[in-house]
Amino acid sequence: MIDKPVDAPDPVPYQKILKAYNDAVAGTPLPAALKITTTRKEHLQARWKESLFRERYEEMFRKAAQIPWLRGECPSPGHEGWVGSLDYLIRNDTNYVRILERPVAQKRTEEYREKWTPS
């Protein structure tokens, strides 16, 4: 039997992550994710290597569901109708960190409102 390296994370719990996301966005404008696609699998594999994501993805999903600009409530011109999604949150190693850094997310919402809300 070969031991896995000490730093190797457990296998990615795709269905658990999918359920956590869907539970967090239920009843919000954010769309539910129906399945783990090949692209989502690749992105989740990358995110799962990051301890911050592994430790706080459920919290991040709950926060994301409450942020107005992710909910499509503060659109900038040309982005009307856009809302965040699981794909946006897991696409790279910065989007989910921004959500966890709540003051940054809140500041961005306030900037959008100031800049794009008609007077």
Protein backbone atom coordinates (compact mmCIF):
# COMPACT_ATOMS: atom_id res chain seq x y z
CA MET A 1 0.00 0.00 0.00
CA ILE A 2 1.27 3.45 -0.93
CA ASP A 3 0.65 6.23 1.57
CA LYS A 4 -0.50 9.51 0.13
CA PRO A 5 1.72 12.51 0.89
CA VAL A 6 0.94 14.31 4.13
CA ASP A 7 -0.07 17.49 2.27
CA ALA A 8 -2.35 15.75 -0.23
CA PRO A 9 -5.99 16.72 0.32
CA ASP A 10 -8.75 14.14 0.41
CA PRO A 11 -10.54 13.47 -2.88
CA VAL A 12 -12.78 16.30 -4.04
CA PRO A 13 -16.32 15.82 -2.62
CA TYR A 14 -18.06 17.06 -5.76
CA GLN A 15 -21.61 16.23 -4.72
CA LYS A 16 -21.14 17.71 -1.25
CA ILE A 17 -19.86 20.96 -2.79
CA LEU A 18 -22.73 21.01 -5.30
CA LYS A 19 -25.26 20.52 -2.49
CA ALA A 20 -23.63 23.23 -0.34
CA TYR A 21 -23.81 25.68 -3.25
CA ASN A 22 -27.43 24.82 -4.09
CA ASP A 23 -28.49 25.04 -0.44
CA ALA A 24 -26.86 28.47 -0.14
CA VAL A 25 -28.50 29.92 -3.27
CA ALA A 26 -31.96 28.44 -2.78
CA GLY A 27 -34.51 31.25 -2.90
CA THR A 28 -32.02 33.78 -4.30
CA PRO A 29 -31.50 35.09 -7.84
CA LEU A 30 -28.35 32.96 -8.17
CA PRO A 31 -28.98 29.91 -10.36
CA ALA A 32 -28.86 26.40 -8.99
CA ALA A 33 -26.17 24.14 -10.42
CA LEU A 34 -27.65 20.95 -11.85
CA LYS A 35 -24.54 18.82 -12.19
CA ILE A 36 -20.78 18.68 -12.05
CA THR A 37 -19.67 19.26 -15.62
CA THR A 38 -16.20 18.46 -16.92
CA THR A 39 -15.20 22.12 -16.63
CA ARG A 40 -16.59 22.40 -13.11
CA LYS A 41 -14.74 19.24 -12.16
CA GLU A 42 -11.46 20.73 -13.42
CA HIS A 43 -12.06 23.99 -11.56
CA LEU A 44 -13.04 22.21 -8.35
CA GLN A 45 -9.95 20.02 -8.54
CA ALA A 46 -7.83 23.17 -8.70
CA ARG A 47 -9.72 24.90 -5.89
CA TRP A 48 -9.60 21.78 -3.69
CA LYS A 49 -5.83 22.02 -3.62
CA GLU A 50 -6.23 25.34 -1.78
CA SER A 51 -6.74 24.94 1.95
CA LEU A 52 -8.73 28.19 2.16
CA PHE A 53 -11.30 26.83 -0.28
CA ARG A 54 -11.47 23.43 1.43
CA GLU A 55 -11.98 25.00 4.83
CA ARG A 56 -14.42 27.75 3.89
CA TYR A 57 -16.32 26.93 0.69
CA GLU A 58 -19.65 26.59 2.52
CA GLU A 59 -19.23 29.97 4.20
CA MET A 60 -18.20 31.51 0.87
CA PHE A 61 -21.32 30.18 -0.87
CA ARG A 62 -23.56 31.60 1.90
CA LYS A 63 -21.86 35.00 1.65
CA ALA A 64 -22.01 35.02 -2.14
CA ALA A 65 -25.76 34.46 -2.06
CA GLN A 66 -26.18 37.67 -0.04
CA ILE A 67 -23.96 40.04 -2.05
CA PRO A 68 -26.08 42.42 -4.13
CA TRP A 69 -23.76 42.67 -7.16
CA LEU A 70 -23.59 38.87 -7.39
CA ARG A 71 -27.38 38.76 -7.12
CA GLY A 72 -27.62 41.07 -10.15
CA GLU A 73 -28.96 43.95 -8.06
CA CYS A 74 -26.18 46.42 -8.99
CA PRO A 75 -25.53 45.88 -12.69
CA SER A 76 -23.11 48.04 -14.58
CA PRO A 77 -24.02 49.10 -18.12
CA GLY A 78 -23.78 46.19 -20.49
CA HIS A 79 -24.08 43.68 -17.65
CA GLU A 80 -27.78 43.97 -16.97
CA GLY A 81 -29.22 40.58 -16.13
CA TRP A 82 -25.86 39.13 -15.03
CA VAL A 83 -25.83 37.17 -11.79
CA GLY A 84 -23.08 35.14 -10.20
CA SER A 85 -23.04 31.38 -10.43
CA LEU A 86 -21.11 28.36 -9.23
CA ASP A 87 -18.95 28.71 -12.34
CA TYR A 88 -18.03 32.30 -11.46
CA LEU A 89 -17.19 31.38 -7.87
CA ILE A 90 -14.88 28.46 -8.73
CA ARG A 91 -13.43 29.66 -12.06
CA ASN A 92 -10.14 30.93 -10.62
CA ASP A 93 -8.25 31.34 -7.38
CA THR A 94 -9.36 34.94 -6.79
CA ASN A 95 -13.16 35.14 -7.18
CA TYR A 96 -13.98 33.05 -4.12
CA VAL A 97 -11.31 34.83 -2.05
CA ARG A 98 -12.96 38.18 -2.84
CA ILE A 99 -16.21 36.82 -1.45
CA LEU A 100 -14.55 35.71 1.76
CA GLU A 101 -12.93 39.14 2.03
CA ARG A 102 -16.35 40.61 2.73
CA PRO A 103 -15.21 44.23 3.01
CA VAL A 104 -13.91 44.03 -0.57
CA ALA A 105 -17.20 42.57 -1.79
CA GLN A 106 -19.15 45.20 0.15
CA LYS A 107 -16.94 48.00 -1.20
CA ARG A 108 -17.48 46.78 -4.75
CA THR A 109 -21.25 46.76 -4.23
CA GLU A 110 -21.15 50.32 -2.90
CA GLU A 111 -18.96 51.45 -5.82
CA TYR A 112 -21.39 49.91 -8.31
CA ARG A 113 -24.34 51.59 -6.68
CA GLU A 114 -22.63 54.99 -6.68
CA LYS A 115 -21.39 54.72 -10.24
CA TRP A 116 -24.30 53.06 -12.00
CA THR A 117 -27.45 54.00 -10.11
CA PRO A 118 -29.38 56.66 -12.01
CA SER A 119 -29.77 59.94 -10.10
